[in-house]
């Protein structure tokens, strides 16, 4: 008997479907120590689910922005233990056709030292897979803030697609003359309708060196992020659904929330807001004087 007046060990073992020896072994087992990292594990898992392409540095910074005091070594250990280290995926279809007789412009972007927004824009095109077809996304990125400022999605690779993205960027930013627009040597960017629009807005044209994709690395990085964190996580039924989802990702997620190591782990919109505040603060004494 245990404690008097209760069930016998034999009876409890029989009811529990275990042996007498197993019953005593269970009672003698020490209680498992609580997981002191349970809360931070939960936070890491939530971030990893929301941002599947985030590695240790970005997850660490996101935790710190949320108020956690944690070092990168610990984050890496927990990511490894929970099998949450991000995995890069396959390469994508080439959409550039530079085999044309149109004028090709010199690469001006490589030697630029940027100090603010609207000094250098980067342009590129990628494909998006729907259930029964491919569509194409043209986009324009501000090289300084990494913010997506113009984009267009459609079924054609003609210059009308890139022109639509450029017009969106122009309407949003209204840049001063002297801005440099950099792209690959694709026919969409060399077409006269596109270059005429650039020239009419006082924009200087720059193109990548032949066979050198690294000249437009920031745009390539944007496309990879879009593919890993949005496109490959969804199956778009049609163009309208893809357009709505991609718009939400670019405008609400990438620009407003996603941390960028090149921006000191700030989202592009926050980076630009801080830049504007600093510029206004620096100009204030001059205005008072």
C-alpha atoms as a PDB file:
ATOM      1  CA  UNK A   1       0.000   0.000   0.000  1.00  0.00           C
ATOM      2  CA  UNK A   2       1.127   3.646  -0.561  1.00  0.00           C
ATOM      3  CA  UNK A   3       0.273   6.234   2.051  1.00  0.00           C
ATOM      4  CA  UNK A   4      -2.291   3.964   3.728  1.00  0.00           C
ATOM      5  CA  UNK A   5      -5.886   3.578   2.626  1.00  0.00           C
ATOM      6  CA  UNK A   6      -4.984   3.937  -1.076  1.00  0.00           C
ATOM      7  CA  UNK A   7      -4.591   1.501  -3.931  1.00  0.00           C
ATOM      8  CA  UNK A   8      -1.841  -1.071  -3.767  1.00  0.00           C
ATOM      9  CA  UNK A   9       1.183  -0.816  -6.044  1.00  0.00           C
ATOM     10  CA  UNK A  10       0.099  -3.985  -7.820  1.00  0.00           C
ATOM     11  CA  UNK A  11      -3.399  -2.583  -8.422  1.00  0.00           C
ATOM     12  CA  UNK A  12      -2.111   0.800  -9.733  1.00  0.00           C
ATOM     13  CA  UNK A  13       0.413  -0.912 -12.013  1.00  0.00           C
ATOM     14  CA  UNK A  14      -2.305  -3.158 -13.403  1.00  0.00           C
ATOM     15  CA  UNK A  15      -4.671  -0.231 -13.988  1.00  0.00           C
ATOM     16  CA  UNK A  16      -1.887   1.745 -15.657  1.00  0.00           C
ATOM     17  CA  UNK A  17      -0.822  -1.142 -17.856  1.00  0.00           C
ATOM     18  CA  UNK A  18       2.784  -1.090 -16.594  1.00  0.00           C
ATOM     19  CA  UNK A  19       4.994  -3.438 -14.608  1.00  0.00           C
ATOM     20  CA  UNK A  20       5.717  -2.917 -10.916  1.00  0.00           C
ATOM     21  CA  UNK A  21       9.349  -2.187 -11.789  1.00  0.00           C
ATOM     22  CA  UNK A  22       8.310   0.375 -14.395  1.00  0.00           C
ATOM     23  CA  UNK A  23       6.035   2.081 -11.870  1.00  0.00           C
ATOM     24  CA  UNK A  24       8.888   2.588  -9.390  1.00  0.00           C
ATOM     25  CA  UNK A  25      11.271   3.681 -12.127  1.00  0.00           C
ATOM     26  CA  UNK A  26       8.758   6.347 -13.196  1.00  0.00           C
ATOM     27  CA  UNK A  27       8.368   7.612  -9.605  1.00  0.00           C
ATOM     28  CA  UNK A  28      12.155   7.801  -9.149  1.00  0.00           C
ATOM     29  CA  UNK A  29      12.734   9.746 -12.394  1.00  0.00           C
ATOM     30  CA  UNK A  30      13.786  13.338 -11.672  1.00  0.00           C
ATOM     31  CA  UNK A  31      11.576  16.105 -12.990  1.00  0.00           C
ATOM     32  CA  UNK A  32      12.765  17.605 -16.266  1.00  0.00           C
ATOM     33  CA  UNK A  33      14.326  21.020 -15.832  1.00  0.00           C
ATOM     34  CA  UNK A  34      12.250  23.762 -17.432  1.00  0.00           C
ATOM     35  CA  UNK A  35      13.502  25.079 -20.778  1.00  0.00           C
ATOM     36  CA  UNK A  36      14.757  28.556 -19.939  1.00  0.00           C
ATOM     37  CA  UNK A  37      14.873  29.349 -23.638  1.00  0.00           C
ATOM     38  CA  UNK A  38      11.235  28.450 -24.295  1.00  0.00           C
ATOM     39  CA  UNK A  39      10.057  32.039 -24.778  1.00  0.00           C
ATOM     40  CA  UNK A  40      12.914  33.075 -27.040  1.00  0.00           C
ATOM     41  CA  UNK A  41      12.537  29.813 -28.994  1.00  0.00           C
ATOM     42  CA  UNK A  42       8.910  30.703 -29.583  1.00  0.00           C
ATOM     43  CA  UNK A  43       9.881  34.188 -30.771  1.00  0.00           C
ATOM     44  CA  UNK A  44      12.550  32.748 -33.094  1.00  0.00           C
ATOM     45  CA  UNK A  45      10.104  30.237 -34.547  1.00  0.00           C
ATOM     46  CA  UNK A  46       7.545  32.968 -35.228  1.00  0.00           C
ATOM     47  CA  UNK A  47      10.155  35.089 -37.024  1.00  0.00           C
ATOM     48  CA  UNK A  48      11.455  32.110 -39.009  1.00  0.00           C
ATOM     49  CA  UNK A  49       7.930  31.237 -40.146  1.00  0.00           C
ATOM     50  CA  UNK A  50       7.192  34.807 -41.212  1.00  0.00           C
ATOM     51  CA  UNK A  51      10.602  35.303 -42.839  1.00  0.00           C
ATOM     52  CA  UNK A  52      11.788  31.882 -44.127  1.00  0.00           C
ATOM     53  CA  UNK A  53      14.837  33.346 -45.884  1.00  0.00           C
ATOM     54  CA  UNK A  54      16.113  35.161 -42.781  1.00  0.00           C
ATOM     55  CA  UNK A  55      19.411  33.813 -41.486  1.00  0.00           C
ATOM     56  CA  UNK A  56      20.999  34.259 -38.075  1.00  0.00           C
ATOM     57  CA  UNK A  57      21.950  37.973 -38.437  1.00  0.00           C
ATOM     58  CA  UNK A  58      18.474  39.167 -39.458  1.00  0.00           C
ATOM     59  CA  UNK A  59      16.661  36.994 -36.917  1.00  0.00           C
ATOM     60  CA  UNK A  60      18.995  38.301 -34.196  1.00  0.00           C
ATOM     61  CA  UNK A  61      18.277  41.894 -35.201  1.00  0.00           C
ATOM     62  CA  UNK A  62      14.533  41.264 -35.400  1.00  0.00           C
ATOM     63  CA  UNK A  63      14.623  39.807 -31.865  1.00  0.00           C
ATOM     64  CA  UNK A  64      16.480  42.888 -30.599  1.00  0.00           C
ATOM     65  CA  UNK A  65      13.961  45.189 -32.277  1.00  0.00           C
ATOM     66  CA  UNK A  66      11.268  43.294 -30.372  1.00  0.00           C
ATOM     67  CA  UNK A  67      13.030  43.887 -27.057  1.00  0.00           C
ATOM     68  CA  UNK A  68      14.990  40.668 -26.625  1.00  0.00           C
ATOM     69  CA  UNK A  69      18.525  40.807 -25.192  1.00  0.00           C
ATOM     70  CA  UNK A  70      20.163  37.954 -27.067  1.00  0.00           C
ATOM     71  CA  UNK A  71      23.466  37.286 -28.841  1.00  0.00           C
ATOM     72  CA  UNK A  72      23.983  35.813 -32.291  1.00  0.00           C
ATOM     73  CA  UNK A  73      25.659  32.641 -30.971  1.00  0.00           C
ATOM     74  CA  UNK A  74      22.617  31.699 -28.946  1.00  0.00           C
ATOM     75  CA  UNK A  75      20.277  32.443 -31.851  1.00  0.00           C
ATOM     76  CA  UNK A  76      22.378  30.232 -34.136  1.00  0.00           C
ATOM     77  CA  UNK A  77      22.329  27.393 -31.574  1.00  0.00           C
ATOM     78  CA  UNK A  78      18.548  27.535 -31.211  1.00  0.00           C
ATOM     79  CA  UNK A  79      18.042  27.756 -34.971  1.00  0.00           C
ATOM     80  CA  UNK A  80      20.260  24.700 -35.477  1.00  0.00           C
ATOM     81  CA  UNK A  81      18.573  22.718 -32.692  1.00  0.00           C
ATOM     82  CA  UNK A  82      15.115  23.499 -34.080  1.00  0.00           C
ATOM     83  CA  UNK A  83      16.167  22.866 -37.701  1.00  0.00           C
ATOM     84  CA  UNK A  84      15.249  26.397 -38.730  1.00  0.00           C
ATOM     85  CA  UNK A  85      18.386  27.426 -40.607  1.00  0.00           C
ATOM     86  CA  UNK A  86      17.221  28.817 -43.945  1.00  0.00           C
ATOM     87  CA  UNK A  87      17.943  26.917 -47.151  1.00  0.00           C
ATOM     88  CA  UNK A  88      18.525  28.639 -50.480  1.00  0.00           C
ATOM     89  CA  UNK A  89      16.603  27.365 -53.473  1.00  0.00           C
ATOM     90  CA  UNK A  90      17.098  26.895 -57.168  1.00  0.00           C
ATOM     91  CA  UNK A  91      18.139  29.407 -59.814  1.00  0.00           C
ATOM     92  CA  UNK A  92      15.583  31.084 -62.031  1.00  0.00           C
ATOM     93  CA  UNK A  93      14.778  31.574 -65.696  1.00  0.00           C
ATOM     94  CA  UNK A  94      16.783  34.137 -67.658  1.00  0.00           C
ATOM     95  CA  UNK A  95      14.623  36.959 -69.030  1.00  0.00           C
ATOM     96  CA  UNK A  96      17.299  39.166 -70.615  1.00  0.00           C
ATOM     97  CA  UNK A  97      17.688  39.381 -74.378  1.00  0.00           C
ATOM     98  CA  UNK A  98      20.716  41.536 -75.165  1.00  0.00           C
ATOM     99  CA  UNK A  99      21.071  40.241 -78.724  1.00  0.00           C
ATOM    100  CA  UNK A 100      19.830  43.360 -80.491  1.00  0.00           C
ATOM    101  CA  UNK A 101      21.161  46.218 -82.587  1.00  0.00           C
ATOM    102  CA  UNK A 102      19.989  49.034 -80.317  1.00  0.00           C
ATOM    103  CA  UNK A 103      22.349  51.491 -78.646  1.00  0.00           C
ATOM    104  CA  UNK A 104      24.015  50.186 -75.482  1.00  0.00           C
ATOM    105  CA  UNK A 105      25.054  52.708 -72.837  1.00  0.00           C
ATOM    106  CA  UNK A 106      28.172  52.792 -70.691  1.00  0.00           C
ATOM    107  CA  UNK A 107      28.155  51.553 -67.110  1.00  0.00           C
ATOM    108  CA  UNK A 108      28.052  54.647 -64.898  1.00  0.00           C
ATOM    109  CA  UNK A 109      26.702  52.987 -61.755  1.00  0.00           C
ATOM    110  CA  UNK A 110      29.885  51.081 -60.898  1.00  0.00           C
ATOM    111  CA  UNK A 111      31.816  54.244 -60.005  1.00  0.00           C
ATOM    112  CA  UNK A 112      29.063  56.052 -58.094  1.00  0.00           C
ATOM    113  CA  UNK A 113      29.300  56.863 -54.383  1.00  0.00           C
ATOM    114  CA  UNK A 114      25.748  57.319 -53.146  1.00  0.00           C
ATOM    115  CA  UNK A 115      24.798  59.797 -50.437  1.00  0.00           C
ATOM    116  CA  UNK A 116      21.013  59.807 -50.714  1.00  0.00           C
ATOM    117  CA  UNK A 117      17.912  58.555 -52.472  1.00  0.00           C
ATOM    118  CA  UNK A 118      17.013  59.322 -56.097  1.00  0.00           C
ATOM    119  CA  UNK A 119      20.653  59.299 -57.183  1.00  0.00           C
ATOM    120  CA  UNK A 120      20.663  55.799 -58.662  1.00  0.00           C
ATOM    121  CA  UNK A 121      17.716  53.624 -59.667  1.00  0.00           C
ATOM    122  CA  UNK A 122      18.128  49.957 -60.550  1.00  0.00           C
ATOM    123  CA  UNK A 123      15.805  48.145 -62.964  1.00  0.00           C
ATOM    124  CA  UNK A 124      15.305  44.466 -63.724  1.00  0.00           C
ATOM    125  CA  UNK A 125      12.776  41.865 -64.923  1.00  0.00           C
ATOM    126  CA  UNK A 126      11.918  38.418 -63.610  1.00  0.00           C
ATOM    127  CA  UNK A 127       9.285  35.779 -64.286  1.00  0.00           C
ATOM    128  CA  UNK A 128       6.446  34.616 -62.029  1.00  0.00           C
ATOM    129  CA  UNK A 129       4.961  31.140 -62.383  1.00  0.00           C
ATOM    130  CA  UNK A 130       1.164  30.847 -62.279  1.00  0.00           C
ATOM    131  CA  UNK A 131      -0.779  27.576 -62.373  1.00  0.00           C
ATOM    132  CA  UNK A 132      -1.050  27.507 -66.157  1.00  0.00           C
ATOM    133  CA  UNK A 133       1.285  30.203 -67.476  1.00  0.00           C
ATOM    134  CA  UNK A 134       4.252  32.482 -66.850  1.00  0.00           C
ATOM    135  CA  UNK A 135       3.948  36.221 -66.331  1.00  0.00           C
ATOM    136  CA  UNK A 136       6.664  38.822 -65.936  1.00  0.00           C
ATOM    137  CA  UNK A 137       7.501  41.381 -63.281  1.00  0.00           C
ATOM    138  CA  UNK A 138       9.401  44.576 -64.096  1.00  0.00           C
ATOM    139  CA  UNK A 139      10.660  46.516 -61.109  1.00  0.00           C
ATOM    140  CA  UNK A 140      12.653  49.575 -60.135  1.00  0.00           C
ATOM    141  CA  UNK A 141      14.612  49.870 -56.909  1.00  0.00           C
ATOM    142  CA  UNK A 142      16.232  52.883 -55.270  1.00  0.00           C
ATOM    143  CA  UNK A 143      19.847  51.779 -54.876  1.00  0.00           C
ATOM    144  CA  UNK A 144      20.472  53.822 -51.716  1.00  0.00           C
ATOM    145  CA  UNK A 145      17.434  52.782 -49.661  1.00  0.00           C
ATOM    146  CA  UNK A 146      16.711  49.434 -51.403  1.00  0.00           C
ATOM    147  CA  UNK A 147      13.063  50.492 -51.581  1.00  0.00           C
ATOM    148  CA  UNK A 148      10.840  49.138 -54.342  1.00  0.00           C
ATOM    149  CA  UNK A 149       9.513  52.287 -56.020  1.00  0.00           C
ATOM    150  CA  UNK A 150       8.047  51.037 -59.296  1.00  0.00           C
ATOM    151  CA  UNK A 151       6.770  47.739 -60.600  1.00  0.00           C
ATOM    152  CA  UNK A 152       4.471  46.213 -63.198  1.00  0.00           C
ATOM    153  CA  UNK A 153       3.207  42.674 -63.753  1.00  0.00           C
ATOM    154  CA  UNK A 154       2.016  41.392 -67.114  1.00  0.00           C
ATOM    155  CA  UNK A 155       2.052  38.674 -69.756  1.00  0.00           C
ATOM    156  CA  UNK A 156       4.444  40.445 -72.102  1.00  0.00           C
ATOM    157  CA  UNK A 157       8.196  41.052 -72.128  1.00  0.00           C
ATOM    158  CA  UNK A 158       7.761  44.028 -74.421  1.00  0.00           C
ATOM    159  CA  UNK A 159       8.899  47.513 -73.410  1.00  0.00           C
ATOM    160  CA  UNK A 160       5.343  48.390 -72.366  1.00  0.00           C
ATOM    161  CA  UNK A 161       5.936  46.391 -69.165  1.00  0.00           C
ATOM    162  CA  UNK A 162       9.139  48.194 -68.181  1.00  0.00           C
ATOM    163  CA  UNK A 163       7.624  51.551 -69.160  1.00  0.00           C
ATOM    164  CA  UNK A 164       4.697  50.945 -66.777  1.00  0.00           C
ATOM    165  CA  UNK A 165       7.126  50.267 -63.906  1.00  0.00           C
ATOM    166  CA  UNK A 166       9.157  53.361 -64.782  1.00  0.00           C
ATOM    167  CA  UNK A 167       6.066  55.583 -64.908  1.00  0.00           C
ATOM    168  CA  UNK A 168       5.060  54.390 -61.434  1.00  0.00           C
ATOM    169  CA  UNK A 169       8.503  55.253 -60.066  1.00  0.00           C
ATOM    170  CA  UNK A 170       8.479  58.680 -61.734  1.00  0.00           C
ATOM    171  CA  UNK A 171       5.032  59.512 -60.368  1.00  0.00           C
ATOM    172  CA  UNK A 172       6.012  58.502 -56.836  1.00  0.00           C
ATOM    173  CA  UNK A 173       9.464  60.076 -56.618  1.00  0.00           C
ATOM    174  CA  UNK A 174       9.516  62.982 -59.088  1.00  0.00           C
ATOM    175  CA  UNK A 175      13.324  62.951 -59.192  1.00  0.00           C
ATOM    176  CA  UNK A 176      15.493  65.915 -60.110  1.00  0.00           C
ATOM    177  CA  UNK A 177      17.508  65.842 -63.319  1.00  0.00           C
ATOM    178  CA  UNK A 178      20.771  63.944 -63.083  1.00  0.00           C
ATOM    179  CA  UNK A 179      19.406  60.724 -61.597  1.00  0.00           C
ATOM    180  CA  UNK A 180      21.146  57.642 -63.045  1.00  0.00           C
ATOM    181  CA  UNK A 181      18.982  54.721 -64.234  1.00  0.00           C
ATOM    182  CA  UNK A 182      20.884  51.426 -64.376  1.00  0.00           C
ATOM    183  CA  UNK A 183      19.729  48.188 -66.000  1.00  0.00           C
ATOM    184  CA  UNK A 184      21.030  45.237 -67.961  1.00  0.00           C
ATOM    185  CA  UNK A 185      21.422  45.426 -71.740  1.00  0.00           C
ATOM    186  CA  UNK A 186      18.043  43.866 -72.451  1.00  0.00           C
ATOM    187  CA  UNK A 187      16.024  45.038 -75.404  1.00  0.00           C
ATOM    188  CA  UNK A 188      13.257  46.286 -73.100  1.00  0.00           C
ATOM    189  CA  UNK A 189      15.632  48.877 -71.600  1.00  0.00           C
ATOM    190  CA  UNK A 190      17.387  49.768 -74.862  1.00  0.00           C
ATOM    191  CA  UNK A 191      14.106  50.327 -76.757  1.00  0.00           C
ATOM    192  CA  UNK A 192      13.630  53.893 -77.958  1.00  0.00           C
ATOM    193  CA  UNK A 193      10.275  54.322 -76.183  1.00  0.00           C
ATOM    194  CA  UNK A 194      11.982  53.520 -72.875  1.00  0.00           C
ATOM    195  CA  UNK A 195      15.130  55.582 -73.383  1.00  0.00           C
ATOM    196  CA  UNK A 196      13.068  58.512 -74.699  1.00  0.00           C
ATOM    197  CA  UNK A 197      11.065  58.518 -71.461  1.00  0.00           C
ATOM    198  CA  UNK A 198      14.277  58.523 -69.440  1.00  0.00           C
ATOM    199  CA  UNK A 199      15.811  61.325 -71.495  1.00  0.00           C
ATOM    200  CA  UNK A 200      12.675  63.467 -71.327  1.00  0.00           C
ATOM    201  CA  UNK A 201      12.874  63.362 -67.519  1.00  0.00           C
ATOM    202  CA  UNK A 202      16.549  64.316 -67.389  1.00  0.00           C
ATOM    203  CA  UNK A 203      17.617  60.810 -66.335  1.00  0.00           C
ATOM    204  CA  UNK A 204      21.076  59.549 -67.260  1.00  0.00           C
ATOM    205  CA  UNK A 205      21.166  56.018 -68.718  1.00  0.00           C
ATOM    206  CA  UNK A 206      23.586  53.342 -67.490  1.00  0.00           C
ATOM    207  CA  UNK A 207      23.806  49.656 -68.432  1.00  0.00           C
ATOM    208  CA  UNK A 208      25.668  46.646 -67.048  1.00  0.00           C
ATOM    209  CA  UNK A 209      28.851  45.361 -68.615  1.00  0.00           C
ATOM    210  CA  UNK A 210      28.374  42.409 -70.943  1.00  0.00           C
ATOM    211  CA  UNK A 211      28.123  39.116 -69.055  1.00  0.00           C
ATOM    212  CA  UNK A 212      28.451  40.789 -65.654  1.00  0.00           C
ATOM    213  CA  UNK A 213      25.272  40.297 -63.566  1.00  0.00           C
ATOM    214  CA  UNK A 214      26.986  41.612 -60.415  1.00  0.00           C
ATOM    215  CA  UNK A 215      26.649  45.151 -61.779  1.00  0.00           C
ATOM    216  CA  UNK A 216      22.984  44.938 -60.749  1.00  0.00           C
ATOM    217  CA  UNK A 217      23.446  42.859 -57.588  1.00  0.00           C
ATOM    218  CA  UNK A 218      21.010  44.834 -55.417  1.00  0.00           C
ATOM    219  CA  UNK A 219      18.171  44.198 -57.863  1.00  0.00           C
ATOM    220  CA  UNK A 220      19.104  40.512 -58.082  1.00  0.00           C
ATOM    221  CA  UNK A 221      18.946  40.362 -54.282  1.00  0.00           C
ATOM    222  CA  UNK A 222      15.488  41.969 -54.339  1.00  0.00           C
ATOM    223  CA  UNK A 223      14.258  39.365 -56.826  1.00  0.00           C
ATOM    224  CA  UNK A 224      15.643  36.470 -54.778  1.00  0.00           C
ATOM    225  CA  UNK A 225      13.918  37.806 -51.671  1.00  0.00           C
ATOM    226  CA  UNK A 226      10.658  38.168 -53.570  1.00  0.00           C
ATOM    227  CA  UNK A 227      10.906  34.604 -54.877  1.00  0.00           C
ATOM    228  CA  UNK A 228      11.896  32.970 -51.559  1.00  0.00           C
ATOM    229  CA  UNK A 229       9.539  34.874 -49.279  1.00  0.00           C
ATOM    230  CA  UNK A 230       6.488  35.411 -51.479  1.00  0.00           C
ATOM    231  CA  UNK A 231       6.312  33.650 -54.853  1.00  0.00           C
ATOM    232  CA  UNK A 232       7.548  30.177 -53.845  1.00  0.00           C
ATOM    233  CA  UNK A 233       5.227  30.164 -50.827  1.00  0.00           C
ATOM    234  CA  UNK A 234       2.121  30.613 -52.977  1.00  0.00           C
ATOM    235  CA  UNK A 235       0.352  29.103 -55.959  1.00  0.00           C
ATOM    236  CA  UNK A 236      -1.271  31.942 -57.873  1.00  0.00           C
ATOM    237  CA  UNK A 237      -4.348  30.892 -59.800  1.00  0.00           C
ATOM    238  CA  UNK A 238      -4.275  33.801 -62.226  1.00  0.00           C
ATOM    239  CA  UNK A 239      -2.709  37.161 -63.001  1.00  0.00           C
ATOM    240  CA  UNK A 240      -5.099  39.111 -60.778  1.00  0.00           C
ATOM    241  CA  UNK A 241      -4.298  36.999 -57.727  1.00  0.00           C
ATOM    242  CA  UNK A 242      -0.559  37.253 -58.371  1.00  0.00           C
ATOM    243  CA  UNK A 243      -0.798  41.002 -58.781  1.00  0.00           C
ATOM    244  CA  UNK A 244      -2.655  41.483 -55.488  1.00  0.00           C
ATOM    245  CA  UNK A 245      -0.270  39.255 -53.531  1.00  0.00           C
ATOM    246  CA  UNK A 246       2.913  40.703 -55.018  1.00  0.00           C
ATOM    247  CA  UNK A 247       1.684  44.254 -54.491  1.00  0.00           C
ATOM    248  CA  UNK A 248       1.000  43.487 -50.823  1.00  0.00           C
ATOM    249  CA  UNK A 249       4.446  41.935 -50.419  1.00  0.00           C
ATOM    250  CA  UNK A 250       6.362  44.795 -52.040  1.00  0.00           C
ATOM    251  CA  UNK A 251       4.403  47.649 -50.484  1.00  0.00           C
ATOM    252  CA  UNK A 252       3.536  46.300 -47.025  1.00  0.00           C
ATOM    253  CA  UNK A 253       6.171  43.679 -46.288  1.00  0.00           C
ATOM    254  CA  UNK A 254       9.387  44.350 -48.206  1.00  0.00           C
ATOM    255  CA  UNK A 255       9.288  48.149 -48.021  1.00  0.00           C
ATOM    256  CA  UNK A 256       7.733  48.485 -44.567  1.00  0.00           C
ATOM    257  CA  UNK A 257       8.917  45.507 -42.490  1.00  0.00           C
ATOM    258  CA  UNK A 258      11.770  43.478 -43.968  1.00  0.00           C
ATOM    259  CA  UNK A 259      15.170  44.167 -42.367  1.00  0.00           C
ATOM    260  CA  UNK A 260      18.141  44.877 -44.645  1.00  0.00           C
ATOM    261  CA  UNK A 261      21.706  44.313 -43.470  1.00  0.00           C
ATOM    262  CA  UNK A 262      22.959  47.035 -45.838  1.00  0.00           C
ATOM    263  CA  UNK A 263      20.637  49.526 -44.100  1.00  0.00           C
ATOM    264  CA  UNK A 264      21.773  48.722 -40.566  1.00  0.00           C
ATOM    265  CA  UNK A 265      18.940  46.193 -40.240  1.00  0.00           C
ATOM    266  CA  UNK A 266      16.171  48.672 -40.944  1.00  0.00           C
ATOM    267  CA  UNK A 267      13.287  48.332 -43.433  1.00  0.00           C
ATOM    268  CA  UNK A 268      13.604  50.638 -46.470  1.00  0.00           C
ATOM    269  CA  UNK A 269      10.685  52.885 -45.487  1.00  0.00           C
ATOM    270  CA  UNK A 270      12.058  53.387 -41.977  1.00  0.00           C
ATOM    271  CA  UNK A 271      15.543  54.000 -43.381  1.00  0.00           C
ATOM    272  CA  UNK A 272      14.203  56.704 -45.704  1.00  0.00           C
ATOM    273  CA  UNK A 273      12.156  58.286 -42.885  1.00  0.00           C
ATOM    274  CA  UNK A 274      15.239  58.512 -40.668  1.00  0.00           C
ATOM    275  CA  UNK A 275      17.267  59.901 -43.547  1.00  0.00           C
ATOM    276  CA  UNK A 276      14.664  62.586 -44.163  1.00  0.00           C
ATOM    277  CA  UNK A 277      14.570  63.470 -40.462  1.00  0.00           C
ATOM    278  CA  UNK A 278      18.365  63.829 -40.362  1.00  0.00           C
ATOM    279  CA  UNK A 279      18.368  65.997 -43.468  1.00  0.00           C
ATOM    280  CA  UNK A 280      15.665  68.262 -42.018  1.00  0.00           C
ATOM    281  CA  UNK A 281      17.554  68.514 -38.731  1.00  0.00           C
ATOM    282  CA  UNK A 282      20.762  69.408 -40.543  1.00  0.00           C
ATOM    283  CA  UNK A 283      18.950  72.072 -42.579  1.00  0.00           C
ATOM    284  CA  UNK A 284      17.163  73.616 -39.570  1.00  0.00           C
ATOM    285  CA  UNK A 285      20.050  75.874 -38.362  1.00  0.00           C
ATOM    286  CA  UNK A 286      20.478  77.260 -41.870  1.00  0.00           C
ATOM    287  CA  UNK A 287      16.781  78.087 -42.081  1.00  0.00           C
ATOM    288  CA  UNK A 288      16.843  79.835 -38.692  1.00  0.00           C
ATOM    289  CA  UNK A 289      19.973  81.786 -39.658  1.00  0.00           C
END
